[in-house]
Amino acid sequence: MPFVTGWMGENHFASVPTAAYGVVLLMAAVAYTILESAIVAEQGPESRLAVAVGTDFKGKLSIALYVAAIALAFVNQWLSDGLYVAVALMWLVPDRRIESRVGT
């Protein structure tokens, strides 16, 4: 990711670098979702992890916001960057669902 963030800075947050940054973030979110789904599939729908993550609203919302931000990068780069920051702030708040159900 440092390559993409450097590219964004060098080009003063132009549309294409901003969208590319969003694609990197989107792929990370998709990878997390796939990993989470694979673990839940292995453990079963009644596992503690499956119960803890539930519908994974935060994860799905993150993916939706990243997709919107990628498209928005070609309209207004600052709004796009604002969505990236919003998702980061959303995940900055600790998600205690898993810790409270799976923790030791």
C-alpha atoms as a PDB file:
ATOM      1  CA  MET A   1       0.000   0.000   0.000  1.00  0.00           C
ATOM      2  CA  PRO A   2       2.867   2.494   0.471  1.00  0.00           C
ATOM      3  CA  PHE A   3       3.265   2.603  -3.305  1.00  0.00           C
ATOM      4  CA  VAL A   4      -0.331   3.703  -3.807  1.00  0.00           C
ATOM      5  CA  THR A   5      -0.331   6.236  -0.961  1.00  0.00           C
ATOM      6  CA  GLY A   6       2.902   7.727  -2.293  1.00  0.00           C
ATOM      7  CA  TRP A   7       1.372   7.919  -5.753  1.00  0.00           C
ATOM      8  CA  MET A   8      -1.652   9.716  -4.288  1.00  0.00           C
ATOM      9  CA  GLY A   9       0.560  12.266  -2.546  1.00  0.00           C
ATOM     10  CA  GLU A  10       2.773  12.883  -5.573  1.00  0.00           C
ATOM     11  CA  ASN A  11      -0.291  13.555  -7.715  1.00  0.00           C
ATOM     12  CA  HIS A  12      -2.134  15.677  -5.153  1.00  0.00           C
ATOM     13  CA  PHE A  13      -4.951  13.170  -4.678  1.00  0.00           C
ATOM     14  CA  ALA A  14      -5.859  12.985  -8.367  1.00  0.00           C
ATOM     15  CA  SER A  15      -8.759  10.782  -9.456  1.00  0.00           C
ATOM     16  CA  VAL A  16      -6.927   7.688 -10.664  1.00  0.00           C
ATOM     17  CA  PRO A  17      -4.536   7.348  -7.687  1.00  0.00           C
ATOM     18  CA  THR A  18      -7.423   7.952  -5.289  1.00  0.00           C
ATOM     19  CA  ALA A  19      -9.499   5.272  -6.996  1.00  0.00           C
ATOM     20  CA  ALA A  20      -6.516   2.882  -7.022  1.00  0.00           C
ATOM     21  CA  TYR A  21      -6.110   3.418  -3.279  1.00  0.00           C
ATOM     22  CA  GLY A  22      -9.763   2.493  -2.887  1.00  0.00           C
ATOM     23  CA  VAL A  23      -9.273  -0.669  -4.928  1.00  0.00           C
ATOM     24  CA  VAL A  24      -6.455  -1.722  -2.580  1.00  0.00           C
ATOM     25  CA  LEU A  25      -8.679  -1.068   0.443  1.00  0.00           C
ATOM     26  CA  LEU A  26     -11.596  -2.869  -1.200  1.00  0.00           C
ATOM     27  CA  MET A  27      -9.504  -5.956  -1.938  1.00  0.00           C
ATOM     28  CA  ALA A  28      -8.355  -6.067   1.704  1.00  0.00           C
ATOM     29  CA  ALA A  29     -11.977  -5.856   2.862  1.00  0.00           C
ATOM     30  CA  VAL A  30     -13.032  -8.583   0.430  1.00  0.00           C
ATOM     31  CA  ALA A  31     -10.145 -10.803   1.579  1.00  0.00           C
ATOM     32  CA  TYR A  32     -11.202 -10.324   5.211  1.00  0.00           C
ATOM     33  CA  THR A  33     -14.790 -11.211   4.336  1.00  0.00           C
ATOM     34  CA  ILE A  34     -13.704 -14.348   2.475  1.00  0.00           C
ATOM     35  CA  LEU A  35     -11.494 -15.414   5.385  1.00  0.00           C
ATOM     36  CA  GLU A  36     -14.266 -14.829   7.896  1.00  0.00           C
ATOM     37  CA  SER A  37     -16.740 -16.774   5.736  1.00  0.00           C
ATOM     38  CA  ALA A  38     -14.310 -19.670   5.332  1.00  0.00           C
ATOM     39  CA  ILE A  39     -13.743 -19.907   9.070  1.00  0.00           C
ATOM     40  CA  VAL A  40     -17.472 -19.789   9.793  1.00  0.00           C
ATOM     41  CA  ALA A  41     -18.103 -22.434   7.101  1.00  0.00           C
ATOM     42  CA  GLU A  42     -15.470 -24.685   8.692  1.00  0.00           C
ATOM     43  CA  GLN A  43     -16.784 -24.216  12.231  1.00  0.00           C
ATOM     44  CA  GLY A  44     -20.456 -24.265  11.340  1.00  0.00           C
ATOM     45  CA  PRO A  45     -23.294 -21.739  11.491  1.00  0.00           C
ATOM     46  CA  GLU A  46     -23.846 -22.309  15.213  1.00  0.00           C
ATOM     47  CA  SER A  47     -20.194 -21.760  16.187  1.00  0.00           C
ATOM     48  CA  ARG A  48     -19.238 -19.047  18.632  1.00  0.00           C
ATOM     49  CA  LEU A  49     -17.569 -17.081  15.842  1.00  0.00           C
ATOM     50  CA  ALA A  50     -20.651 -17.264  13.600  1.00  0.00           C
ATOM     51  CA  VAL A  51     -22.832 -16.055  16.450  1.00  0.00           C
ATOM     52  CA  ALA A  52     -20.336 -13.303  17.299  1.00  0.00           C
ATOM     53  CA  VAL A  53     -20.051 -11.846  13.796  1.00  0.00           C
ATOM     54  CA  GLY A  54     -23.741 -12.260  13.039  1.00  0.00           C
ATOM     55  CA  THR A  55     -24.592 -10.498   9.796  1.00  0.00           C
ATOM     56  CA  ASP A  56     -21.262  -8.610   9.833  1.00  0.00           C
ATOM     57  CA  PHE A  57     -22.909  -5.272   9.140  1.00  0.00           C
ATOM     58  CA  LYS A  58     -19.655  -3.392   9.642  1.00  0.00           C
ATOM     59  CA  GLY A  59     -17.842  -5.525   7.073  1.00  0.00           C
ATOM     60  CA  LYS A  60     -20.579  -5.224   4.471  1.00  0.00           C
ATOM     61  CA  LEU A  61     -20.885  -1.486   5.059  1.00  0.00           C
ATOM     62  CA  SER A  62     -17.118  -1.111   4.615  1.00  0.00           C
ATOM     63  CA  ILE A  63     -17.232  -2.840   1.236  1.00  0.00           C
ATOM     64  CA  ALA A  64     -20.181  -0.699   0.119  1.00  0.00           C
ATOM     65  CA  LEU A  65     -18.443   2.516   1.202  1.00  0.00           C
ATOM     66  CA  TYR A  66     -15.224   1.518  -0.575  1.00  0.00           C
ATOM     67  CA  VAL A  67     -17.132   0.843  -3.807  1.00  0.00           C
ATOM     68  CA  ALA A  68     -18.892   4.195  -3.483  1.00  0.00           C
ATOM     69  CA  ALA A  69     -15.599   5.960  -2.760  1.00  0.00           C
ATOM     70  CA  ILE A  70     -13.932   4.426  -5.821  1.00  0.00           C
ATOM     71  CA  ALA A  71     -16.719   5.724  -8.058  1.00  0.00           C
ATOM     72  CA  LEU A  72     -16.761   9.059  -6.241  1.00  0.00           C
ATOM     73  CA  ALA A  73     -13.015   9.506  -6.841  1.00  0.00           C
ATOM     74  CA  PHE A  74     -13.844  10.490 -10.407  1.00  0.00           C
ATOM     75  CA  VAL A  75     -16.411  13.061  -9.252  1.00  0.00           C
ATOM     76  CA  ASN A  76     -14.825  14.594  -6.148  1.00  0.00           C
ATOM     77  CA  GLN A  77     -11.599  13.197  -4.727  1.00  0.00           C
ATOM     78  CA  TRP A  78     -12.041  14.859  -1.341  1.00  0.00           C
ATOM     79  CA  LEU A  79     -15.412  13.210  -0.752  1.00  0.00           C
ATOM     80  CA  SER A  80     -13.862   9.917  -1.760  1.00  0.00           C
ATOM     81  CA  ASP A  81     -11.028  10.408   0.730  1.00  0.00           C
ATOM     82  CA  GLY A  82     -13.619  11.341   3.335  1.00  0.00           C
ATOM     83  CA  LEU A  83     -15.303   7.968   2.873  1.00  0.00           C
ATOM     84  CA  TYR A  84     -11.947   6.205   3.297  1.00  0.00           C
ATOM     85  CA  VAL A  85     -11.423   8.083   6.551  1.00  0.00           C
ATOM     86  CA  ALA A  86     -14.977   7.285   7.684  1.00  0.00           C
ATOM     87  CA  VAL A  87     -14.388   3.558   7.215  1.00  0.00           C
ATOM     88  CA  ALA A  88     -11.074   3.774   9.077  1.00  0.00           C
ATOM     89  CA  LEU A  89     -12.754   5.593  11.961  1.00  0.00           C
ATOM     90  CA  MET A  90     -15.569   3.050  11.981  1.00  0.00           C
ATOM     91  CA  TRP A  91     -13.029   0.254  12.525  1.00  0.00           C
ATOM     92  CA  LEU A  92     -11.043   2.313  15.037  1.00  0.00           C
ATOM     93  CA  VAL A  93     -13.873   1.778  17.491  1.00  0.00           C
ATOM     94  CA  PRO A  94     -13.168  -1.662  18.952  1.00  0.00           C
ATOM     95  CA  ASP A  95     -15.527  -4.407  17.867  1.00  0.00           C
ATOM     96  CA  ARG A  96     -16.010  -6.468  20.997  1.00  0.00           C
ATOM     97  CA  ARG A  97     -18.397  -9.028  19.484  1.00  0.00           C
ATOM     98  CA  ILE A  98     -15.750 -11.615  18.772  1.00  0.00           C
ATOM     99  CA  GLU A  99     -13.719 -10.963  21.928  1.00  0.00           C
ATOM    100  CA  SER A 100     -16.755 -11.281  24.186  1.00  0.00           C
ATOM    101  CA  ARG A 101     -17.909 -14.581  22.653  1.00  0.00           C
ATOM    102  CA  VAL A 102     -14.681 -16.317  21.696  1.00  0.00           C
ATOM    103  CA  GLY A 103     -12.233 -14.874  24.226  1.00  0.00           C
ATOM    104  CA  THR A 104     -10.664 -17.064  26.891  1.00  0.00           C
END
